[in-house]
């Protein structure tokens, strides 16, 4: 349980750090949802906010796989399941990203 909590807290902290960069990138790429008559918001809202969560989670989980400690060992015990989960999440992320950008 401590293993998952450590990864969760690490991913959350990293997401908080990189979210402003993703917002900046969304504005640069014009990947924003502009307000109109059918929208509730009055300012442009970035559409690729999930990228910060995806990137932070992937970086932490992949880094943990290479650690030579208790947490790394726990993740290597479930490595096949973890890689299957990460591959599926990557596919879903890219489908959503393409949808947001198109």
PDB file of N, CA and C in Angstrom:
ATOM      1  N   UNK A   1       0.825  -1.198   0.000  1.00  0.00           N
ATOM      2  CA  UNK A   1       0.000   0.000   0.000  1.00  0.00           C
ATOM      3  C   UNK A   1       0.866   1.257   0.000  1.00  0.00           C
ATOM      4  N   UNK A   2       1.970   1.201   0.749  1.00  0.00           N
ATOM      5  CA  UNK A   2       2.866   2.353   0.790  1.00  0.00           C
ATOM      6  C   UNK A   2       3.468   2.632  -0.584  1.00  0.00           C
ATOM      7  N   UNK A   3       3.678   1.570  -1.354  1.00  0.00           N
ATOM      8  CA  UNK A   3       4.239   1.719  -2.695  1.00  0.00           C
ATOM      9  C   UNK A   3       3.323   2.568  -3.565  1.00  0.00           C
ATOM     10  N   UNK A   4       2.060   2.214  -3.592  1.00  0.00           N
ATOM     11  CA  UNK A   4       1.109   2.949  -4.417  1.00  0.00           C
ATOM     12  C   UNK A   4       0.907   4.370  -3.913  1.00  0.00           C
ATOM     13  N   UNK A   5       0.922   4.547  -2.615  1.00  0.00           N
ATOM     14  CA  UNK A   5       0.775   5.885  -2.044  1.00  0.00           C
ATOM     15  C   UNK A   5       1.961   6.770  -2.426  1.00  0.00           C
ATOM     16  N   UNK A   6       3.156   6.205  -2.410  1.00  0.00           N
ATOM     17  CA  UNK A   6       4.349   6.968  -2.789  1.00  0.00           C
ATOM     18  C   UNK A   6       4.276   7.391  -4.253  1.00  0.00           C
ATOM     19  N   UNK A   7       3.840   6.489  -5.114  1.00  0.00           N
ATOM     20  CA  UNK A   7       3.718   6.816  -6.532  1.00  0.00           C
ATOM     21  C   UNK A   7       2.617   7.858  -6.747  1.00  0.00           C
ATOM     22  N   UNK A   8       1.517   7.707  -6.040  1.00  0.00           N
ATOM     23  CA  UNK A   8       0.416   8.663  -6.164  1.00  0.00           C
ATOM     24  C   UNK A   8       0.855  10.066  -5.738  1.00  0.00           C
ATOM     25  N   UNK A   9       1.504  10.160  -4.600  1.00  0.00           N
ATOM     26  CA  UNK A   9       1.951  11.472  -4.108  1.00  0.00           C
ATOM     27  C   UNK A   9       2.999  12.065  -5.044  1.00  0.00           C
ATOM     28  N   UNK A  10       3.930  11.229  -5.517  1.00  0.00           N
ATOM     29  CA  UNK A  10       4.945  11.720  -6.450  1.00  0.00           C
ATOM     30  C   UNK A  10       4.339  12.213  -7.746  1.00  0.00           C
ATOM     31  N   UNK A  11       3.387  11.472  -8.279  1.00  0.00           N
ATOM     32  CA  UNK A  11       2.729  11.874  -9.522  1.00  0.00           C
ATOM     33  C   UNK A  11       1.932  13.166  -9.340  1.00  0.00           C
ATOM     34  N   UNK A  12       1.269  13.271  -8.212  1.00  0.00           N
ATOM     35  CA  UNK A  12       0.491  14.480  -7.935  1.00  0.00           C
ATOM     36  C   UNK A  12       1.389  15.703  -7.846  1.00  0.00           C
ATOM     37  N   UNK A  13       2.499  15.583  -7.133  1.00  0.00           N
ATOM     38  CA  UNK A  13       3.428  16.715  -7.005  1.00  0.00           C
ATOM     39  C   UNK A  13       4.019  17.095  -8.359  1.00  0.00           C
ATOM     40  N   UNK A  14       4.403  16.109  -9.146  1.00  0.00           N
ATOM     41  CA  UNK A  14       4.969  16.399 -10.465  1.00  0.00           C
ATOM     42  C   UNK A  14       3.921  17.019 -11.384  1.00  0.00           C
ATOM     43  N   UNK A  15       2.686  16.557 -11.312  1.00  0.00           N
ATOM     44  CA  UNK A  15       1.618  17.142 -12.130  1.00  0.00           C
ATOM     45  C   UNK A  15       1.387  18.605 -11.764  1.00  0.00           C
ATOM     46  N   UNK A  16       1.448  18.910 -10.482  1.00  0.00           N
ATOM     47  CA  UNK A  16       1.288  20.302 -10.049  1.00  0.00           C
ATOM     48  C   UNK A  16       2.410  21.180 -10.583  1.00  0.00           C
ATOM     49  N   UNK A  17       3.590  20.611 -10.707  1.00  0.00           N
ATOM     50  CA  UNK A  17       4.740  21.381 -11.197  1.00  0.00           C
ATOM     51  C   UNK A  17       4.661  21.604 -12.700  1.00  0.00           C
ATOM     52  N   UNK A  18       4.246  20.584 -13.460  1.00  0.00           N
ATOM     53  CA  UNK A  18       4.279  20.729 -14.921  1.00  0.00           C
ATOM     54  C   UNK A  18       2.979  21.243 -15.528  1.00  0.00           C
ATOM     55  N   UNK A  19       1.923  21.370 -14.759  1.00  0.00           N
ATOM     56  CA  UNK A  19       0.660  21.885 -15.296  1.00  0.00           C
ATOM     57  C   UNK A  19       0.790  23.279 -15.900  1.00  0.00           C
ATOM     58  N   UNK A  20       1.499  24.220 -15.267  1.00  0.00           N
ATOM     59  CA  UNK A  20       1.646  25.537 -15.919  1.00  0.00           C
ATOM     60  C   UNK A  20       2.335  25.452 -17.284  1.00  0.00           C
ATOM     61  N   UNK A  21       3.285  24.535 -17.448  1.00  0.00           N
ATOM     62  CA  UNK A  21       3.956  24.376 -18.741  1.00  0.00           C
ATOM     63  C   UNK A  21       2.988  23.826 -19.785  1.00  0.00           C
ATOM     64  N   UNK A  22       2.118  22.916 -19.384  1.00  0.00           N
ATOM     65  CA  UNK A  22       1.135  22.354 -20.312  1.00  0.00           C
ATOM     66  C   UNK A  22       0.115  23.428 -20.701  1.00  0.00           C
ATOM     67  N   UNK A  23      -0.290  24.248 -19.761  1.00  0.00           N
ATOM     68  CA  UNK A  23      -1.209  25.352 -20.062  1.00  0.00           C
ATOM     69  C   UNK A  23      -0.564  26.312 -21.062  1.00  0.00           C
ATOM     70  N   UNK A  24       0.708  26.636 -20.837  1.00  0.00           N
ATOM     71  CA  UNK A  24       1.433  27.514 -21.755  1.00  0.00           C
ATOM     72  C   UNK A  24       1.509  26.891 -23.146  1.00  0.00           C
ATOM     73  N   UNK A  25       1.814  25.598 -23.201  1.00  0.00           N
ATOM     74  CA  UNK A  25       1.907  24.895 -24.476  1.00  0.00           C
ATOM     75  C   UNK A  25       0.550  24.859 -25.193  1.00  0.00           C
ATOM     76  N   UNK A  26      -0.515  24.653 -24.442  1.00  0.00           N
ATOM     77  CA  UNK A  26      -1.860  24.637 -25.037  1.00  0.00           C
ATOM     78  C   UNK A  26      -2.188  25.988 -25.660  1.00  0.00           C
ATOM     79  N   UNK A  27      -1.828  27.047 -24.991  1.00  0.00           N
ATOM     80  CA  UNK A  27      -2.079  28.381 -25.555  1.00  0.00           C
ATOM     81  C   UNK A  27      -1.214  28.624 -26.781  1.00  0.00           C
ATOM     82  N   UNK A  28       0.027  28.147 -26.732  1.00  0.00           N
ATOM     83  CA  UNK A  28       0.937  28.304 -27.865  1.00  0.00           C
ATOM     84  C   UNK A  28       0.423  27.537 -29.088  1.00  0.00           C
ATOM     85  N   UNK A  29      -0.082  26.330 -28.875  1.00  0.00           N
ATOM     86  CA  UNK A  29      -0.608  25.497 -29.960  1.00  0.00           C
ATOM     87  C   UNK A  29      -2.050  25.839 -30.324  1.00  0.00           C
ATOM     88  N   UNK A  30      -2.632  26.769 -29.587  1.00  0.00           N
ATOM     89  CA  UNK A  30      -4.037  27.158 -29.734  1.00  0.00           C
ATOM     90  C   UNK A  30      -4.971  25.974 -29.529  1.00  0.00           C
ATOM     91  N   UNK A  31      -4.587  25.117 -28.596  1.00  0.00           N
ATOM     92  CA  UNK A  31      -5.421  23.971 -28.225  1.00  0.00           C
ATOM     93  C   UNK A  31      -6.282  24.374 -27.037  1.00  0.00           C
ATOM     94  N   UNK A  32      -7.122  25.378 -27.280  1.00  0.00           N
ATOM     95  CA  UNK A  32      -7.983  25.916 -26.230  1.00  0.00           C
ATOM     96  C   UNK A  32      -9.429  25.875 -26.687  1.00  0.00           C
ATOM     97  N   UNK A  33     -10.311  25.795 -25.740  1.00  0.00           N
ATOM     98  CA  UNK A  33     -11.740  25.828 -26.011  1.00  0.00           C
ATOM     99  C   UNK A  33     -12.189  27.273 -25.833  1.00  0.00           C
ATOM    100  N   UNK A  34     -12.532  27.912 -26.931  1.00  0.00           N
ATOM    101  CA  UNK A  34     -12.916  29.324 -26.867  1.00  0.00           C
ATOM    102  C   UNK A  34     -14.376  29.471 -26.457  1.00  0.00           C
ATOM    103  N   UNK A  35     -14.667  30.508 -25.708  1.00  0.00           N
ATOM    104  CA  UNK A  35     -16.060  30.710 -25.268  1.00  0.00           C
ATOM    105  C   UNK A  35     -16.957  31.095 -26.432  1.00  0.00           C
ATOM    106  N   UNK A  36     -18.179  30.621 -26.381  1.00  0.00           N
ATOM    107  CA  UNK A  36     -19.207  31.035 -27.328  1.00  0.00           C
ATOM    108  C   UNK A  36     -20.560  30.956 -26.622  1.00  0.00           C
ATOM    109  N   UNK A  37     -21.614  31.061 -27.372  1.00  0.00           N
ATOM    110  CA  UNK A  37     -22.956  31.131 -26.799  1.00  0.00           C
ATOM    111  C   UNK A  37     -23.337  29.866 -26.030  1.00  0.00           C
ATOM    112  N   UNK A  38     -22.783  28.705 -26.429  1.00  0.00           N
ATOM    113  CA  UNK A  38     -23.134  27.435 -25.779  1.00  0.00           C
ATOM    114  C   UNK A  38     -22.220  27.074 -24.613  1.00  0.00           C
ATOM    115  N   UNK A  39     -21.206  27.864 -24.333  1.00  0.00           N
ATOM    116  CA  UNK A  39     -20.214  27.544 -23.299  1.00  0.00           C
ATOM    117  C   UNK A  39     -20.487  28.325 -22.022  1.00  0.00           C
ATOM    118  N   UNK A  40     -20.083  27.748 -20.920  1.00  0.00           N
ATOM    119  CA  UNK A  40     -20.259  28.396 -19.619  1.00  0.00           C
ATOM    120  C   UNK A  40     -19.093  29.328 -19.320  1.00  0.00           C
ATOM    121  N   UNK A  41     -17.882  28.934 -19.746  1.00  0.00           N
ATOM    122  CA  UNK A  41     -16.702  29.727 -19.415  1.00  0.00           C
ATOM    123  C   UNK A  41     -16.622  30.990 -20.272  1.00  0.00           C
ATOM    124  N   UNK A  42     -15.963  32.013 -19.713  1.00  0.00           N
ATOM    125  CA  UNK A  42     -15.855  33.287 -20.417  1.00  0.00           C
ATOM    126  C   UNK A  42     -14.450  33.532 -20.956  1.00  0.00           C
ATOM    127  N   UNK A  43     -13.483  32.702 -20.582  1.00  0.00           N
ATOM    128  CA  UNK A  43     -12.110  32.810 -21.071  1.00  0.00           C
ATOM    129  C   UNK A  43     -11.730  31.503 -21.767  1.00  0.00           C
ATOM    130  N   UNK A  44     -10.755  31.560 -22.695  1.00  0.00           N
ATOM    131  CA  UNK A  44     -10.307  30.320 -23.330  1.00  0.00           C
ATOM    132  C   UNK A  44      -9.753  29.336 -22.292  1.00  0.00           C
ATOM    133  N   UNK A  45     -10.124  28.057 -22.419  1.00  0.00           N
ATOM    134  CA  UNK A  45      -9.715  27.020 -21.480  1.00  0.00           C
ATOM    135  C   UNK A  45      -8.875  25.986 -22.235  1.00  0.00           C
ATOM    136  N   UNK A  46      -7.661  25.685 -21.754  1.00  0.00           N
ATOM    137  CA  UNK A  46      -6.834  24.678 -22.428  1.00  0.00           C
ATOM    138  C   UNK A  46      -7.529  23.324 -22.466  1.00  0.00           C
ATOM    139  N   UNK A  47      -7.394  22.628 -23.601  1.00  0.00           N
ATOM    140  CA  UNK A  47      -8.038  21.327 -23.764  1.00  0.00           C
ATOM    141  C   UNK A  47      -7.098  20.155 -23.495  1.00  0.00           C
ATOM    142  N   UNK A  48      -5.814  20.376 -23.373  1.00  0.00           N
ATOM    143  CA  UNK A  48      -4.866  19.268 -23.225  1.00  0.00           C
ATOM    144  C   UNK A  48      -4.343  19.146 -21.796  1.00  0.00           C
ATOM    145  N   UNK A  49      -5.159  19.478 -20.840  1.00  0.00           N
ATOM    146  CA  UNK A  49      -4.750  19.412 -19.434  1.00  0.00           C
ATOM    147  C   UNK A  49      -4.428  18.008 -18.957  1.00  0.00           C
ATOM    148  N   UNK A  50      -5.021  17.007 -19.586  1.00  0.00           N
ATOM    149  CA  UNK A  50      -4.740  15.631 -19.209  1.00  0.00           C
ATOM    150  C   UNK A  50      -3.299  15.229 -19.493  1.00  0.00           C
ATOM    151  N   UNK A  51      -2.623  15.980 -20.354  1.00  0.00           N
ATOM    152  CA  UNK A  51      -1.221  15.670 -20.677  1.00  0.00           C
ATOM    153  C   UNK A  51      -0.342  15.788 -19.434  1.00  0.00           C
ATOM    154  N   UNK A  52      -0.606  16.739 -18.572  1.00  0.00           N
ATOM    155  CA  UNK A  52       0.197  16.898 -17.351  1.00  0.00           C
ATOM    156  C   UNK A  52       0.036  15.690 -16.443  1.00  0.00           C
ATOM    157  N   UNK A  53      -1.167  15.205 -16.326  1.00  0.00           N
ATOM    158  CA  UNK A  53      -1.423  14.034 -15.477  1.00  0.00           C
ATOM    159  C   UNK A  53      -0.781  12.796 -16.083  1.00  0.00           C
ATOM    160  N   UNK A  54      -0.943  12.611 -17.394  1.00  0.00           N
ATOM    161  CA  UNK A  54      -0.375  11.445 -18.067  1.00  0.00           C
ATOM    162  C   UNK A  54       1.151  11.441 -17.972  1.00  0.00           C
ATOM    163  N   UNK A  55       1.774  12.556 -18.296  1.00  0.00           N
ATOM    164  CA  UNK A  55       3.233  12.638 -18.277  1.00  0.00           C
ATOM    165  C   UNK A  55       3.780  12.409 -16.876  1.00  0.00           C
ATOM    166  N   UNK A  56       3.186  13.038 -15.884  1.00  0.00           N
ATOM    167  CA  UNK A  56       3.696  12.889 -14.516  1.00  0.00           C
ATOM    168  C   UNK A  56       3.545  11.450 -14.020  1.00  0.00           C
ATOM    169  N   UNK A  57       2.422  10.828 -14.322  1.00  0.00           N
ATOM    170  CA  UNK A  57       2.221   9.445 -13.888  1.00  0.00           C
ATOM    171  C   UNK A  57       3.195   8.509 -14.583  1.00  0.00           C
ATOM    172  N   UNK A  58       3.353   8.655 -15.886  1.00  0.00           N
ATOM    173  CA  UNK A  58       4.274   7.789 -16.621  1.00  0.00           C
ATOM    174  C   UNK A  58       5.712   7.959 -16.146  1.00  0.00           C
ATOM    175  N   UNK A  59       6.135   9.192 -15.941  1.00  0.00           N
ATOM    176  CA  UNK A  59       7.508   9.422 -15.500  1.00  0.00           C
ATOM    177  C   UNK A  59       7.781   8.777 -14.144  1.00  0.00           C
ATOM    178  N   UNK A  60       6.865   8.936 -13.213  1.00  0.00           N
ATOM    179  CA  UNK A  60       7.065   8.375 -11.875  1.00  0.00           C
ATOM    180  C   UNK A  60       7.028   6.848 -11.915  1.00  0.00           C
ATOM    181  N   UNK A  61       6.058   6.266 -12.591  1.00  0.00           N
ATOM    182  CA  UNK A  61       5.939   4.799 -12.624  1.00  0.00           C
ATOM    183  C   UNK A  61       7.146   4.172 -13.324  1.00  0.00           C
ATOM    184  N   UNK A  62       7.560   4.752 -14.445  1.00  0.00           N
ATOM    185  CA  UNK A  62       8.717   4.207 -15.144  1.00  0.00           C
ATOM    186  C   UNK A  62       9.998   4.380 -14.338  1.00  0.00           C
ATOM    187  N   UNK A  63      10.123   5.482 -13.636  1.00  0.00           N
ATOM    188  CA  UNK A  63      11.298   5.690 -12.786  1.00  0.00           C
ATOM    189  C   UNK A  63      11.326   4.679 -11.642  1.00  0.00           C
ATOM    190  N   UNK A  64      10.172   4.393 -11.076  1.00  0.00           N
ATOM    191  CA  UNK A  64      10.094   3.434  -9.966  1.00  0.00           C
ATOM    192  C   UNK A  64      10.510   2.041 -10.414  1.00  0.00           C
ATOM    193  N   UNK A  65      10.216   1.685 -11.647  1.00  0.00           N
ATOM    194  CA  UNK A  65      10.611   0.368 -12.148  1.00  0.00           C
ATOM    195  C   UNK A  65      12.125   0.159 -12.121  1.00  0.00           C
ATOM    196  N   UNK A  66      12.880   1.248 -12.203  1.00  0.00           N
ATOM    197  CA  UNK A  66      14.339   1.150 -12.222  1.00  0.00           C
ATOM    198  C   UNK A  66      14.983   1.338 -10.854  1.00  0.00           C
ATOM    199  N   UNK A  67      14.182   1.632  -9.835  1.00  0.00           N
ATOM    200  CA  UNK A  67      14.733   1.780  -8.484  1.00  0.00           C
ATOM    201  C   UNK A  67      15.152   0.425  -7.923  1.00  0.00           C
ATOM    202  N   UNK A  68      16.235   0.412  -7.215  1.00  0.00           N
ATOM    203  CA  UNK A  68      16.712  -0.813  -6.574  1.00  0.00           C
ATOM    204  C   UNK A  68      16.394  -0.763  -5.080  1.00  0.00           C
ATOM    205  N   UNK A  69      15.118  -0.718  -4.767  1.00  0.00           N
ATOM    206  CA  UNK A  69      14.678  -0.706  -3.373  1.00  0.00           C
ATOM    207  C   UNK A  69      13.346  -1.454  -3.257  1.00  0.00           C
ATOM    208  N   UNK A  70      12.716  -1.359  -2.106  1.00  0.00           N
ATOM    209  CA  UNK A  70      11.466  -2.074  -1.848  1.00  0.00           C
ATOM    210  C   UNK A  70      10.360  -1.686  -2.835  1.00  0.00           C
ATOM    211  N   UNK A  71      10.242  -0.399  -3.117  1.00  0.00           N
ATOM    212  CA  UNK A  71       9.196   0.061  -4.023  1.00  0.00           C
ATOM    213  C   UNK A  71       9.452  -0.453  -5.436  1.00  0.00           C
ATOM    214  N   UNK A  72      10.681  -0.368  -5.891  1.00  0.00           N
ATOM    215  CA  UNK A  72      11.021  -0.878  -7.212  1.00  0.00           C
ATOM    216  C   UNK A  72      10.785  -2.373  -7.327  1.00  0.00           C
ATOM    217  N   UNK A  73      11.131  -3.118  -6.281  1.00  0.00           N
ATOM    218  CA  UNK A  73      10.900  -4.563  -6.283  1.00  0.00           C
ATOM    219  C   UNK A  73       9.415  -4.892  -6.361  1.00  0.00           C
ATOM    220  N   UNK A  74       8.599  -4.138  -5.642  1.00  0.00           N
ATOM    221  CA  UNK A  74       7.150  -4.370  -5.662  1.00  0.00           C
ATOM    222  C   UNK A  74       6.585  -4.139  -7.055  1.00  0.00           C
ATOM    223  N   UNK A  75       7.078  -3.130  -7.746  1.00  0.00           N
ATOM    224  CA  UNK A  75       6.590  -2.851  -9.094  1.00  0.00           C
ATOM    225  C   UNK A  75       7.096  -3.885 -10.091  1.00  0.00           C
ATOM    226  N   UNK A  76       8.320  -4.376  -9.905  1.00  0.00           N
ATOM    227  CA  UNK A  76       8.833  -5.395 -10.808  1.00  0.00           C
ATOM    228  C   UNK A  76       8.113  -6.732 -10.641  1.00  0.00           C
ATOM    229  N   UNK A  77       7.539  -6.981  -9.469  1.00  0.00           N
ATOM    230  CA  UNK A  77       6.767  -8.206  -9.251  1.00  0.00           C
ATOM    231  C   UNK A  77       5.502  -8.233 -10.115  1.00  0.00           C
ATOM    232  N   UNK A  78       4.957  -7.078 -10.385  1.00  0.00           N
ATOM    233  CA  UNK A  78       3.735  -6.982 -11.206  1.00  0.00           C
ATOM    234  C   UNK A  78       4.040  -6.321 -12.550  1.00  0.00           C
ATOM    235  N   UNK A  79       5.256  -6.481 -13.037  1.00  0.00           N
ATOM    236  CA  UNK A  79       5.726  -5.778 -14.227  1.00  0.00           C
ATOM    237  C   UNK A  79       4.865  -6.036 -15.462  1.00  0.00           C
ATOM    238  N   UNK A  80       4.470  -7.270 -15.708  1.00  0.00           N
ATOM    239  CA  UNK A  80       3.669  -7.575 -16.908  1.00  0.00           C
ATOM    240  C   UNK A  80       2.316  -6.861 -16.840  1.00  0.00           C
ATOM    241  N   UNK A  81       1.669  -6.929 -15.702  1.00  0.00           N
ATOM    242  CA  UNK A  81       0.384  -6.243 -15.539  1.00  0.00           C
ATOM    243  C   UNK A  81       0.559  -4.734 -15.652  1.00  0.00           C
ATOM    244  N   UNK A  82       1.637  -4.235 -15.084  1.00  0.00           N
ATOM    245  CA  UNK A  82       1.890  -2.802 -15.106  1.00  0.00           C
ATOM    246  C   UNK A  82       2.154  -2.313 -16.530  1.00  0.00           C
ATOM    247  N   UNK A  83       2.941  -3.045 -17.284  1.00  0.00           N
ATOM    248  CA  UNK A  83       3.224  -2.644 -18.664  1.00  0.00           C
ATOM    249  C   UNK A  83       1.958  -2.709 -19.508  1.00  0.00           C
ATOM    250  N   UNK A  84       1.121  -3.695 -19.293  1.00  0.00           N
ATOM    251  CA  UNK A  84      -0.156  -3.784 -20.009  1.00  0.00           C
ATOM    252  C   UNK A  84      -1.029  -2.575 -19.686  1.00  0.00           C
ATOM    253  N   UNK A  85      -1.085  -2.217 -18.415  1.00  0.00           N
ATOM    254  CA  UNK A  85      -1.866  -1.049 -17.997  1.00  0.00           C
ATOM    255  C   UNK A  85      -1.317   0.235 -18.605  1.00  0.00           C
ATOM    256  N   UNK A  86       0.000   0.407 -18.581  1.00  0.00           N
ATOM    257  CA  UNK A  86       0.611   1.627 -19.120  1.00  0.00           C
ATOM    258  C   UNK A  86       0.436   1.714 -20.636  1.00  0.00           C
ATOM    259  N   UNK A  87       0.537   0.591 -21.329  1.00  0.00           N
ATOM    260  CA  UNK A  87       0.325   0.595 -22.780  1.00  0.00           C
ATOM    261  C   UNK A  87      -1.111   0.967 -23.120  1.00  0.00           C
ATOM    262  N   UNK A  88      -2.049   0.430 -22.379  1.00  0.00           N
ATOM    263  CA  UNK A  88      -3.462   0.760 -22.598  1.00  0.00           C
ATOM    264  C   UNK A  88      -3.724   2.232 -22.307  1.00  0.00           C
ATOM    265  N   UNK A  89      -3.159   2.727 -21.211  1.00  0.00           N
ATOM    266  CA  UNK A  89      -3.332   4.137 -20.850  1.00  0.00           C
ATOM    267  C   UNK A  89      -2.717   5.052 -21.899  1.00  0.00           C
ATOM    268  N   UNK A  90      -1.580   4.649 -22.453  1.00  0.00           N
ATOM    269  CA  UNK A  90      -0.931   5.446 -23.496  1.00  0.00           C
ATOM    270  C   UNK A  90      -1.804   5.519 -24.742  1.00  0.00           C
ATOM    271  N   UNK A  91      -2.380   4.396 -25.138  1.00  0.00           N
ATOM    272  CA  UNK A  91      -3.269   4.384 -26.300  1.00  0.00           C
ATOM    273  C   UNK A  91      -4.468   5.308 -26.077  1.00  0.00           C
ATOM    274  N   UNK A  92      -5.090   5.189 -24.913  1.00  0.00           N
ATOM    275  CA  UNK A  92      -6.262   6.024 -24.600  1.00  0.00           C
ATOM    276  C   UNK A  92      -5.879   7.494 -24.550  1.00  0.00           C
ATOM    277  N   UNK A  93      -4.707   7.792 -23.977  1.00  0.00           N
ATOM    278  CA  UNK A  93      -4.243   9.183 -23.906  1.00  0.00           C
ATOM    279  C   UNK A  93      -4.083   9.766 -25.308  1.00  0.00           C
ATOM    280  N   UNK A  94      -3.429   9.023 -26.209  1.00  0.00           N
ATOM    281  CA  UNK A  94      -3.199   9.555 -27.542  1.00  0.00           C
ATOM    282  C   UNK A  94      -4.481   9.703 -28.343  1.00  0.00           C
ATOM    283  N   UNK A  95      -5.435   8.819 -28.163  1.00  0.00           N
ATOM    284  CA  UNK A  95      -6.736   8.983 -28.817  1.00  0.00           C
ATOM    285  C   UNK A  95      -7.411  10.268 -28.312  1.00  0.00           C
ATOM    286  N   UNK A  96      -7.367  10.493 -27.009  1.00  0.00           N
ATOM    287  CA  UNK A  96      -7.945  11.714 -26.447  1.00  0.00           C
ATOM    288  C   UNK A  96      -7.206  12.960 -26.880  1.00  0.00           C
ATOM    289  N   UNK A  97      -5.872  12.879 -26.968  1.00  0.00           N
ATOM    290  CA  UNK A  97      -5.082  14.032 -27.394  1.00  0.00           C
ATOM    291  C   UNK A  97      -5.391  14.399 -28.841  1.00  0.00           C
ATOM    292  N   UNK A  98      -5.485  13.402 -29.699  1.00  0.00           N
ATOM    293  CA  UNK A  98      -5.833  13.652 -31.093  1.00  0.00           C
ATOM    294  C   UNK A  98      -7.216  14.291 -31.188  1.00  0.00           C
ATOM    295  N   UNK A  99      -8.143  13.791 -30.381  1.00  0.00           N
ATOM    296  CA  UNK A  99      -9.486  14.362 -30.347  1.00  0.00           C
ATOM    297  C   UNK A  99      -9.450  15.818 -29.892  1.00  0.00           C
ATOM    298  N   UNK A 100      -8.657  16.112 -28.875  1.00  0.00           N
ATOM    299  CA  UNK A 100      -8.565  17.486 -28.380  1.00  0.00           C
ATOM    300  C   UNK A 100      -7.935  18.428 -29.417  1.00  0.00           C
ATOM    301  N   UNK A 101      -6.951  17.932 -30.145  1.00  0.00           N
ATOM    302  CA  UNK A 101      -6.248  18.796 -31.099  1.00  0.00           C
ATOM    303  C   UNK A 101      -7.008  18.944 -32.408  1.00  0.00           C
ATOM    304  N   UNK A 102      -7.827  17.977 -32.773  1.00  0.00           N
ATOM    305  CA  UNK A 102      -8.596  18.069 -34.015  1.00  0.00           C
ATOM    306  C   UNK A 102      -9.942  18.670 -33.708  1.00  0.00           C
TER     307      UNK A 102
END
